[in-house]
Amino acid sequence: MNLEDLFDRSHIIDLSFFNFSNAITAAYFAGSDLRIHKVNANFKKFFPVLENISNAWLPDILVQLGLSGEMVEDFQRVLAEEGQVLIPRIDIVIDGVERTFSLLSTQTHDESFTYLNGVQGQFVDRTDEFLLRREREELLEEKIRSQELIEEKTRQLERLANRLAKYLAPQIYQSIFEDKDDKQAGFKRKNLTIFFSDIVGFTDISDGVEPERLAFVINTYLSAMSEIALQFGGTLDKFIGDAVLIFFGDPDSEGELQDAIRCTQMALAMQERIQDLQSVWRSHGISQTLQVRMGINTGYCTVGNFGSDHRLEYTALGGPVNLAARLQARAESDSIYIGESTWLLIKEYVEGTEQEPFTPKGFARPVKVYRLEKFFHERLGGGNEVDKLKHVGKHVEINIRSVEYIREAIEELRRISISIEEDLNDG
């Protein structure tokens, strides 16, 4: 007699299934033919849609729970080949609510009780876990979208900042974007050296030149003047047609003497550059020789933001500014006129010729005027720093903006040289 004949079959099955009876999972036991023999209370609680499951075929149960035919076939195949199978996710709608389960099934073997040979399995309710996972994934996706949005906004701000930089003096641009000086929104009285320049007879020139050529002339001229102003540390206030207004002493200042020296050095450098540009303009069909007159004056001005609620302009106002404009208008072609206040500051470093005093419009008394002829760089005790950073060769002209950029400029020149050689080799 076999041992299994001594015991009641249903009692043995109940005993073997005892551990699953009170489990928090939905457990089942099926025979080798996959017919359901036993389920625990949670099985019926989890799946009220299932009616009579006693002796039901397990694959049919899986189909009723929503598994596709392909998934059921895979379940049977893997279970037969490997002895166990895991379906990690089964989504089931119960009473209108979608819940998520995983199913782990494994074959059982018992030598003493052959009717215990079959398949045991558990449905684990993982709804909360998957909800948390979904929320985490959604949060991660939202974070990625937010990061992408931030990056796009950053790129937009960079593009805006790059465009805005063309409309502001570098010093003012830096003050705004680095928020270096909260007082920038107010007004200050500062001793400034003001520079005005204007192209002589530009209106007549513009009337006889095509718009494209005129644009080329004015853009190359203003670009060159702006670059020189930047080299010498001037604050480019504004362009008024072909006229240029630059001042030294705000927002950065090296002292009134150095501000005046750098302004006069800048004016002389501009004169040289204008002569260099004449051949460029002629090659573009501009037959007239462009002549520029300049005026420089030093004095206390009110500097700050002026304008309306809709548009502000950072500029300098006051008598010294007006006098610099009058000096420029008084100056002869291709000459630089400086006021007495500037002359008294720099006279040890320059050569100049006193002109006939005149009473500018809006002024009560005559003012002394000097025509700037030459700057004695050697009297500064260290030479002209900007001239040291300028090299004019037969085919190439190099201007380095500041001593601090020398190493970067050398590396840039090296890269340019390599790029030119590669282009020549490819050609």
Protein backbone atom coordinates (compact mmCIF):
# COMPACT_ATOMS: atom_id res chain seq x y z
CA MET A 1 0.00 0.00 0.00
CA ASN A 2 1.28 3.47 -0.89
CA LEU A 3 1.65 6.09 1.80
CA GLU A 4 -0.72 8.42 -0.01
CA ASP A 5 -3.49 5.77 0.29
CA LEU A 6 -3.39 6.09 4.09
CA PHE A 7 -4.40 9.76 4.04
CA ASP A 8 -7.36 11.65 2.72
CA ARG A 9 -6.37 13.41 -0.47
CA SER A 10 -8.33 16.61 0.10
CA HIS A 11 -7.01 16.83 3.66
CA ILE A 12 -3.41 16.54 2.47
CA ILE A 13 -3.99 19.20 -0.17
CA ASP A 14 -5.51 21.46 2.48
CA LEU A 15 -2.50 20.91 4.75
CA SER A 16 0.01 21.60 1.95
CA PHE A 17 -1.90 24.73 1.03
CA PHE A 18 -2.25 25.93 4.63
CA ASN A 19 0.59 28.45 4.41
CA PHE A 20 -1.12 30.18 1.48
CA SER A 21 -4.56 30.33 3.07
CA ASN A 22 -3.88 33.54 4.99
CA ALA A 23 -1.32 35.01 2.61
CA ILE A 24 -1.73 38.60 1.42
CA THR A 25 -1.30 37.31 -2.12
CA ALA A 26 -3.84 35.53 -4.31
CA ALA A 27 -2.56 31.96 -4.26
CA TYR A 28 -3.64 28.91 -6.21
CA PHE A 29 -2.70 25.25 -6.58
CA ALA A 30 -3.30 23.39 -9.84
CA GLY A 31 -2.58 19.85 -10.88
CA SER A 32 -0.11 18.76 -13.51
CA ASP A 33 -2.87 19.21 -16.09
CA LEU A 34 -3.21 22.85 -14.92
CA ARG A 35 -6.69 22.26 -13.49
CA ILE A 36 -7.31 24.46 -10.43
CA HIS A 37 -7.61 22.43 -7.20
CA LYS A 38 -7.32 25.09 -4.55
CA VAL A 39 -7.32 28.89 -4.16
CA ASN A 40 -7.09 31.02 -1.04
CA ALA A 41 -9.57 33.65 0.11
CA ASN A 42 -7.60 36.51 -1.45
CA PHE A 43 -7.84 34.91 -4.86
CA LYS A 44 -11.60 35.39 -4.89
CA LYS A 45 -11.21 38.80 -3.24
CA PHE A 46 -8.69 39.96 -5.84
CA PHE A 47 -10.67 38.68 -8.81
CA PRO A 48 -14.40 38.92 -8.13
CA VAL A 49 -14.96 38.81 -11.89
CA LEU A 50 -14.09 35.13 -11.77
CA GLU A 51 -17.07 32.97 -10.87
CA ASN A 52 -16.70 29.21 -10.37
CA ILE A 53 -13.01 28.47 -10.61
CA SER A 54 -13.06 25.00 -9.05
CA ASN A 55 -11.51 22.57 -11.51
CA ALA A 56 -11.15 25.40 -14.05
CA TRP A 57 -8.25 25.24 -16.45
CA LEU A 58 -5.57 27.76 -15.45
CA PRO A 59 -4.91 29.06 -19.01
CA ASP A 60 -8.65 29.87 -19.30
CA ILE A 61 -8.44 31.77 -16.02
CA LEU A 62 -5.52 33.81 -17.37
CA VAL A 63 -7.48 34.63 -20.52
CA GLN A 64 -10.44 35.81 -18.42
CA LEU A 65 -8.04 38.04 -16.48
CA GLY A 66 -7.04 39.76 -19.70
CA LEU A 67 -3.83 38.04 -20.83
CA SER A 68 -3.42 37.69 -24.57
CA GLY A 69 -3.33 34.29 -26.21
CA GLU A 70 0.36 34.77 -26.97
CA MET A 71 1.16 35.51 -23.33
CA VAL A 72 -0.77 32.43 -22.18
CA GLU A 73 1.09 30.22 -24.67
CA ASP A 74 4.42 31.64 -23.48
CA PHE A 75 3.35 30.99 -19.88
CA GLN A 76 2.68 27.32 -20.58
CA ARG A 77 5.84 26.84 -22.65
CA VAL A 78 8.23 28.46 -20.12
CA LEU A 79 6.61 26.64 -17.21
CA ALA A 80 7.03 23.30 -18.97
CA GLU A 81 10.62 24.00 -20.04
CA GLU A 82 12.01 25.74 -16.97
CA GLY A 83 9.68 24.65 -14.18
CA GLN A 84 8.73 28.19 -13.23
CA VAL A 85 7.60 31.36 -14.91
CA LEU A 86 7.21 35.01 -13.94
CA ILE A 87 4.80 37.39 -15.58
CA PRO A 88 6.04 40.72 -14.16
CA ARG A 89 3.00 42.80 -15.06
CA ILE A 90 -0.67 42.04 -15.61
CA ASP A 91 -3.07 44.98 -15.78
CA ILE A 92 -6.63 44.02 -14.81
CA VAL A 93 -9.69 46.27 -14.56
CA ILE A 94 -11.68 45.33 -11.47
CA ASP A 95 -14.93 47.18 -10.77
CA GLY A 96 -13.85 49.93 -13.15
CA VAL A 97 -10.45 50.40 -11.47
CA GLU A 98 -7.22 49.31 -13.15
CA ARG A 99 -4.96 47.29 -10.90
CA THR A 100 -1.55 45.80 -11.57
CA PHE A 101 -0.39 42.32 -10.56
CA SER A 102 2.59 40.08 -11.13
CA LEU A 103 2.26 36.29 -11.33
CA LEU A 104 4.90 33.84 -10.18
CA SER A 105 4.18 30.13 -10.82
CA THR A 106 6.37 27.11 -10.16
CA GLN A 107 6.02 23.34 -10.53
CA THR A 108 5.79 21.28 -7.32
CA HIS A 109 7.11 17.76 -6.77
CA ASP A 110 6.38 15.36 -3.91
CA GLU A 111 7.47 11.69 -4.02
CA SER A 112 5.15 10.61 -1.20
CA PHE A 113 1.97 12.29 -2.42
CA THR A 114 1.78 12.33 -6.20
CA TYR A 115 -1.41 14.38 -6.18
CA LEU A 116 0.67 17.24 -4.77
CA ASN A 117 2.65 17.30 -8.00
CA GLY A 118 1.37 20.27 -9.95
CA VAL A 119 1.75 24.01 -10.04
CA GLN A 120 1.60 26.55 -7.25
CA GLY A 121 1.38 30.25 -7.97
CA GLN A 122 0.74 33.67 -6.45
CA PHE A 123 -0.71 36.86 -7.84
CA VAL A 124 0.97 39.77 -6.08
CA ASP A 125 -0.91 43.08 -6.05
CA ARG A 126 1.66 45.65 -7.13
CA THR A 127 -0.75 48.46 -7.92
CA ASP A 128 0.68 50.87 -5.35
CA GLU A 129 4.22 50.04 -6.36
CA PHE A 130 3.52 50.70 -10.03
CA LEU A 131 1.63 53.87 -9.18
CA LEU A 132 4.65 55.10 -7.26
CA ARG A 133 6.91 54.04 -10.10
CA ARG A 134 4.68 55.82 -12.60
CA GLU A 135 4.67 58.96 -10.43
CA ARG A 136 8.43 58.77 -10.17
CA GLU A 137 8.75 58.36 -13.93
CA GLU A 138 6.36 61.24 -14.50
CA LEU A 139 8.33 63.38 -12.06
CA LEU A 140 11.53 62.38 -13.85
CA GLU A 141 9.98 63.20 -17.22
CA GLU A 142 8.72 66.50 -15.82
CA LYS A 143 12.19 67.22 -14.47
CA ILE A 144 13.70 66.43 -17.88
CA ARG A 145 11.12 68.65 -19.59
CA SER A 146 11.80 71.40 -17.06
CA GLN A 147 15.54 71.03 -17.60
CA GLU A 148 15.06 71.16 -21.35
CA LEU A 149 12.86 74.22 -20.92
CA ILE A 150 15.46 75.87 -18.70
CA GLU A 151 18.19 75.06 -21.23
CA GLU A 152 16.09 76.47 -24.07
CA LYS A 153 15.30 79.61 -22.05
CA THR A 154 19.00 79.89 -21.24
CA ARG A 155 19.87 79.64 -24.93
CA GLN A 156 17.23 82.28 -25.70
CA LEU A 157 18.67 84.55 -23.01
CA GLU A 158 22.16 83.99 -24.38
CA ARG A 159 21.00 84.89 -27.88
CA LEU A 160 19.18 87.92 -26.47
CA ALA A 161 22.24 88.92 -24.43
CA ASN A 162 24.48 88.58 -27.49
CA ARG A 163 22.16 90.79 -29.51
CA LEU A 164 21.79 93.24 -26.64
CA ALA A 165 25.57 93.46 -26.29
CA LYS A 166 25.67 95.15 -29.70
CA TYR A 167 23.47 97.95 -28.39
CA LEU A 168 25.38 98.62 -25.16
CA ALA A 169 28.88 99.69 -24.29
CA PRO A 170 30.79 96.66 -22.93
CA GLN A 171 31.20 98.29 -19.53
CA ILE A 172 27.48 99.01 -19.23
CA TYR A 173 26.57 95.55 -20.53
CA GLN A 174 28.83 93.96 -17.93
CA SER A 175 27.40 96.09 -15.13
CA ILE A 176 23.84 95.13 -16.04
CA PHE A 177 24.36 91.39 -16.51
CA GLU A 178 26.73 90.89 -13.59
CA ASP A 179 24.71 93.23 -11.37
CA LYS A 180 27.95 94.72 -10.15
CA ASP A 181 26.51 98.07 -9.18
CA ASP A 182 22.95 98.49 -7.93
CA LYS A 183 23.48 102.23 -8.01
CA GLN A 184 23.63 102.05 -11.79
CA ALA A 185 19.92 102.88 -11.82
CA GLY A 186 20.59 106.31 -10.22
CA PHE A 187 22.61 109.36 -11.15
CA LYS A 188 26.14 110.41 -10.29
CA ARG A 189 28.34 113.45 -10.66
CA LYS A 190 31.63 112.33 -12.11
CA ASN A 191 34.62 113.96 -13.73
CA LEU A 192 34.57 112.64 -17.29
CA THR A 193 36.60 113.15 -20.42
CA ILE A 194 34.16 113.41 -23.32
CA PHE A 195 34.94 112.59 -26.96
CA PHE A 196 32.87 113.63 -29.99
CA SER A 197 33.62 112.84 -33.63
CA ASP A 198 31.84 113.51 -36.91
CA ILE A 199 32.50 112.85 -40.60
CA VAL A 200 32.89 116.12 -42.50
CA GLY A 201 30.25 116.58 -45.21
CA PHE A 202 28.76 113.14 -44.68
CA THR A 203 25.30 114.30 -45.74
CA ASP A 204 26.64 115.30 -49.17
CA ILE A 205 28.54 112.04 -49.46
CA SER A 206 25.49 109.94 -48.58
CA ASP A 207 23.32 111.71 -51.16
CA GLY A 208 25.57 110.54 -53.99
CA VAL A 209 26.25 106.95 -52.90
CA GLU A 210 24.12 103.82 -53.29
CA PRO A 211 22.55 102.60 -49.99
CA GLU A 212 24.58 99.38 -50.01
CA ARG A 213 27.90 101.20 -50.37
CA LEU A 214 26.86 103.81 -47.85
CA ALA A 215 26.00 101.06 -45.37
CA PHE A 216 29.39 99.44 -45.96
CA VAL A 217 31.22 102.72 -45.34
CA ILE A 218 29.37 103.68 -42.18
CA ASN A 219 29.47 100.15 -40.74
CA THR A 220 33.21 99.68 -41.33
CA TYR A 221 33.88 103.15 -39.95
CA LEU A 222 31.79 102.72 -36.79
CA SER A 223 33.07 99.17 -36.24
CA ALA A 224 36.67 100.36 -36.41
CA MET A 225 36.00 103.31 -34.10
CA SER A 226 34.17 101.07 -31.62
CA GLU A 227 37.02 98.56 -31.58
CA ILE A 228 39.56 101.30 -30.87
CA ALA A 229 37.36 102.77 -28.13
CA LEU A 230 37.20 99.33 -26.56
CA GLN A 231 40.99 98.93 -26.76
CA PHE A 232 41.49 102.13 -24.79
CA GLY A 233 38.74 101.46 -22.26
CA GLY A 234 36.25 104.09 -23.41
CA THR A 235 32.52 103.83 -22.76
CA LEU A 236 30.72 104.02 -26.09
CA ASP A 237 27.71 106.19 -25.35
CA LYS A 238 25.95 106.33 -28.70
CA PHE A 239 26.06 106.71 -32.47
CA ILE A 240 24.17 109.70 -33.85
CA GLY A 241 24.19 108.95 -37.55
CA ASP A 242 27.89 109.12 -38.39
CA ALA A 243 28.73 110.95 -35.14
CA VAL A 244 30.24 109.08 -32.19
CA LEU A 245 30.02 109.96 -28.48
CA ILE A 246 32.46 108.24 -26.10
CA PHE A 247 33.41 109.10 -22.55
CA PHE A 248 36.07 108.03 -20.08
CA GLY A 249 35.67 107.93 -16.31
CA ASP A 250 32.53 105.85 -15.87
CA PRO A 251 31.66 103.17 -14.97
CA ASP A 252 35.40 102.48 -14.60
CA SER A 253 38.06 105.10 -14.05
CA GLU A 254 41.83 105.11 -13.64
CA GLY A 255 41.77 108.72 -12.41
CA GLU A 256 41.11 111.90 -14.32
CA LEU A 257 44.67 112.09 -15.72
CA GLN A 258 44.69 108.55 -17.09
CA ASP A 259 41.14 108.98 -18.42
CA ALA A 260 42.22 112.07 -20.34
CA ILE A 261 45.42 110.41 -21.59
CA ARG A 262 43.58 107.36 -22.86
CA CYS A 263 40.96 109.50 -24.56
CA THR A 264 43.57 111.50 -26.48
CA GLN A 265 45.49 108.32 -27.35
CA MET A 266 42.26 106.86 -28.65
CA ALA A 267 41.54 109.91 -30.81
CA LEU A 268 44.99 109.74 -32.42
CA ALA A 269 44.62 105.99 -33.01
CA MET A 270 41.29 106.66 -34.69
CA GLN A 271 42.91 109.17 -37.02
CA GLU A 272 45.47 106.56 -38.08
CA ARG A 273 42.81 103.93 -38.60
CA ILE A 274 40.70 106.26 -40.74
CA GLN A 275 43.67 106.78 -43.06
CA ASP A 276 44.09 103.00 -43.33
CA LEU A 277 40.40 102.63 -44.25
CA GLN A 278 40.55 105.12 -47.13
CA SER A 279 41.98 102.52 -49.52
CA VAL A 280 39.33 100.00 -48.42
CA TRP A 281 36.54 102.46 -49.13
CA ARG A 282 38.02 103.40 -52.50
CA SER A 283 38.11 99.73 -53.46
CA HIS A 284 34.36 99.68 -52.85
CA GLY A 285 33.66 102.59 -55.15
CA ILE A 286 33.84 105.50 -52.68
CA SER A 287 35.84 108.13 -54.52
CA GLN A 288 35.56 110.83 -51.86
CA THR A 289 38.14 110.94 -49.10
CA LEU A 290 36.41 110.77 -45.75
CA GLN A 291 37.60 113.37 -43.28
CA VAL A 292 36.74 113.30 -39.58
CA ARG A 293 36.88 116.04 -36.99
CA MET A 294 37.03 115.37 -33.26
CA GLY A 295 36.49 117.25 -30.01
CA ILE A 296 37.63 116.37 -26.47
CA ASN A 297 36.74 118.04 -23.18
CA THR A 298 36.99 117.21 -19.47
CA GLY A 299 34.66 118.22 -16.67
CA TYR A 300 32.05 117.18 -14.13
CA CYS A 301 28.94 115.66 -15.70
CA THR A 302 25.80 113.96 -14.52
CA VAL A 303 25.92 110.35 -15.65
CA GLY A 304 23.22 107.70 -15.30
CA ASN A 305 20.00 106.38 -16.80
CA PHE A 306 17.92 108.97 -18.59
CA GLY A 307 14.68 108.42 -20.48
CA SER A 308 11.13 107.26 -19.96
CA ASP A 309 9.44 104.31 -18.30
CA HIS A 310 9.58 102.53 -21.65
CA ARG A 311 13.16 103.23 -22.70
CA LEU A 312 16.26 104.25 -20.79
CA GLU A 313 19.64 105.36 -22.05
CA TYR A 314 22.81 105.39 -19.98
CA THR A 315 24.53 108.64 -20.91
CA ALA A 316 26.28 111.75 -19.64
CA LEU A 317 24.77 115.23 -19.52
CA GLY A 318 26.20 118.62 -18.70
CA GLY A 319 28.22 121.57 -19.90
CA PRO A 320 31.42 119.57 -20.57
CA VAL A 321 29.47 117.31 -22.95
CA ASN A 322 28.06 120.29 -24.82
CA LEU A 323 31.50 121.89 -25.06
CA ALA A 324 33.02 118.69 -26.48
CA ALA A 325 30.32 118.76 -29.18
CA ARG A 326 31.04 122.45 -29.92
CA LEU A 327 34.79 121.72 -30.15
CA GLN A 328 34.14 118.95 -32.64
CA ALA A 329 31.97 121.24 -34.76
CA ARG A 330 34.67 123.96 -34.58
CA ALA A 331 37.52 121.62 -35.52
CA GLU A 332 39.06 121.60 -38.96
CA SER A 333 38.90 118.49 -41.13
CA ASP A 334 41.10 115.64 -39.88
CA SER A 335 41.93 117.50 -36.65
CA ILE A 336 41.36 117.03 -32.92
CA TYR A 337 40.38 120.04 -30.80
CA ILE A 338 40.64 119.78 -27.03
CA GLY A 339 39.30 122.03 -24.31
CA GLU A 340 41.44 123.86 -21.78
CA SER A 341 40.50 121.52 -18.91
CA THR A 342 41.79 118.53 -20.84
CA TRP A 343 44.86 120.41 -22.04
CA LEU A 344 45.89 121.31 -18.49
CA LEU A 345 45.76 117.62 -17.53
CA ILE A 346 47.78 116.21 -20.44
CA LYS A 347 49.95 119.07 -21.69
CA GLU A 348 53.14 117.38 -20.39
CA TYR A 349 52.45 114.38 -22.61
CA VAL A 350 51.28 115.98 -25.84
CA GLU A 351 52.20 118.47 -28.46
CA GLY A 352 49.49 120.91 -29.40
CA THR A 353 48.77 124.28 -30.94
CA GLU A 354 46.64 126.88 -29.21
CA GLN A 355 43.82 128.09 -31.43
CA GLU A 356 41.91 131.33 -31.38
CA PRO A 357 39.45 131.38 -28.45
CA PHE A 358 35.76 131.36 -29.35
CA THR A 359 32.45 131.62 -27.56
CA PRO A 360 30.47 128.41 -28.16
CA LYS A 361 26.72 128.57 -28.59
CA GLY A 362 25.11 128.45 -25.16
CA PHE A 363 28.24 129.67 -23.35
CA ALA A 364 28.69 133.12 -21.86
CA ARG A 365 32.47 133.48 -22.20
CA PRO A 366 35.13 132.60 -24.74
CA VAL A 367 36.93 129.28 -24.22
CA LYS A 368 40.49 128.35 -24.99
CA VAL A 369 41.03 125.68 -27.62
CA TYR A 370 44.05 123.54 -28.51
CA ARG A 371 44.67 121.45 -31.57
CA LEU A 372 46.20 118.08 -30.66
CA GLU A 373 49.19 117.23 -32.84
CA LYS A 374 51.14 114.43 -31.20
CA PHE A 375 51.37 112.25 -28.11
CA PHE A 376 54.72 111.56 -26.46
CA HIS A 377 54.32 107.97 -25.32
CA GLU A 378 57.81 107.79 -23.88
CA ARG A 379 56.88 110.41 -21.27
CA LEU A 380 54.46 107.95 -19.71
CA GLY A 381 57.41 105.97 -18.37
CA GLY A 382 56.35 102.66 -19.86
CA GLY A 383 55.57 103.35 -23.48
CA ASN A 384 52.19 103.05 -25.03
CA GLU A 385 50.61 99.81 -23.87
CA VAL A 386 48.12 99.77 -26.72
CA ASP A 387 50.81 100.33 -29.37
CA LYS A 388 52.67 97.36 -27.94
CA LEU A 389 49.56 95.27 -28.59
CA LYS A 390 49.28 96.39 -32.20
CA HIS A 391 51.18 94.97 -35.14
CA VAL A 392 50.79 96.05 -38.73
CA GLY A 393 52.41 93.73 -41.25
CA LYS A 394 52.46 93.69 -45.02
CA HIS A 395 49.27 91.65 -45.32
CA VAL A 396 47.90 91.41 -41.77
CA GLU A 397 47.04 93.87 -39.02
CA ILE A 398 46.68 92.61 -35.43
CA ASN A 399 45.09 94.51 -32.56
CA ILE A 400 44.93 92.84 -29.14
CA ARG A 401 42.32 94.42 -26.90
CA SER A 402 44.23 94.22 -23.62
CA VAL A 403 47.36 92.76 -22.04
CA GLU A 404 45.22 90.19 -20.25
CA TYR A 405 44.18 88.71 -23.61
CA ILE A 406 47.69 88.18 -25.02
CA ARG A 407 47.84 84.42 -24.36
CA GLU A 408 44.33 83.90 -25.71
CA ALA A 409 45.23 85.94 -28.81
CA ILE A 410 48.36 83.85 -29.42
CA GLU A 411 46.33 80.63 -29.20
CA GLU A 412 43.70 82.10 -31.51
CA LEU A 413 46.35 83.08 -34.07
CA ARG A 414 47.78 79.56 -33.90
CA ARG A 415 44.33 78.07 -34.59
CA ILE A 416 43.76 80.46 -37.47
CA SER A 417 47.16 79.54 -38.96
CA ILE A 418 46.37 75.81 -38.76
CA SER A 419 42.93 76.36 -40.29
CA ILE A 420 44.37 78.36 -43.21
CA GLU A 421 47.01 75.70 -43.88
CA GLU A 422 44.35 72.96 -43.88
CA ASP A 423 42.18 74.93 -46.31
CA LEU A 424 45.17 75.45 -48.64
CA ASN A 425 46.05 71.74 -48.52
CA ASP A 426 42.43 70.76 -49.24
CA GLY A 427 42.44 73.14 -52.19
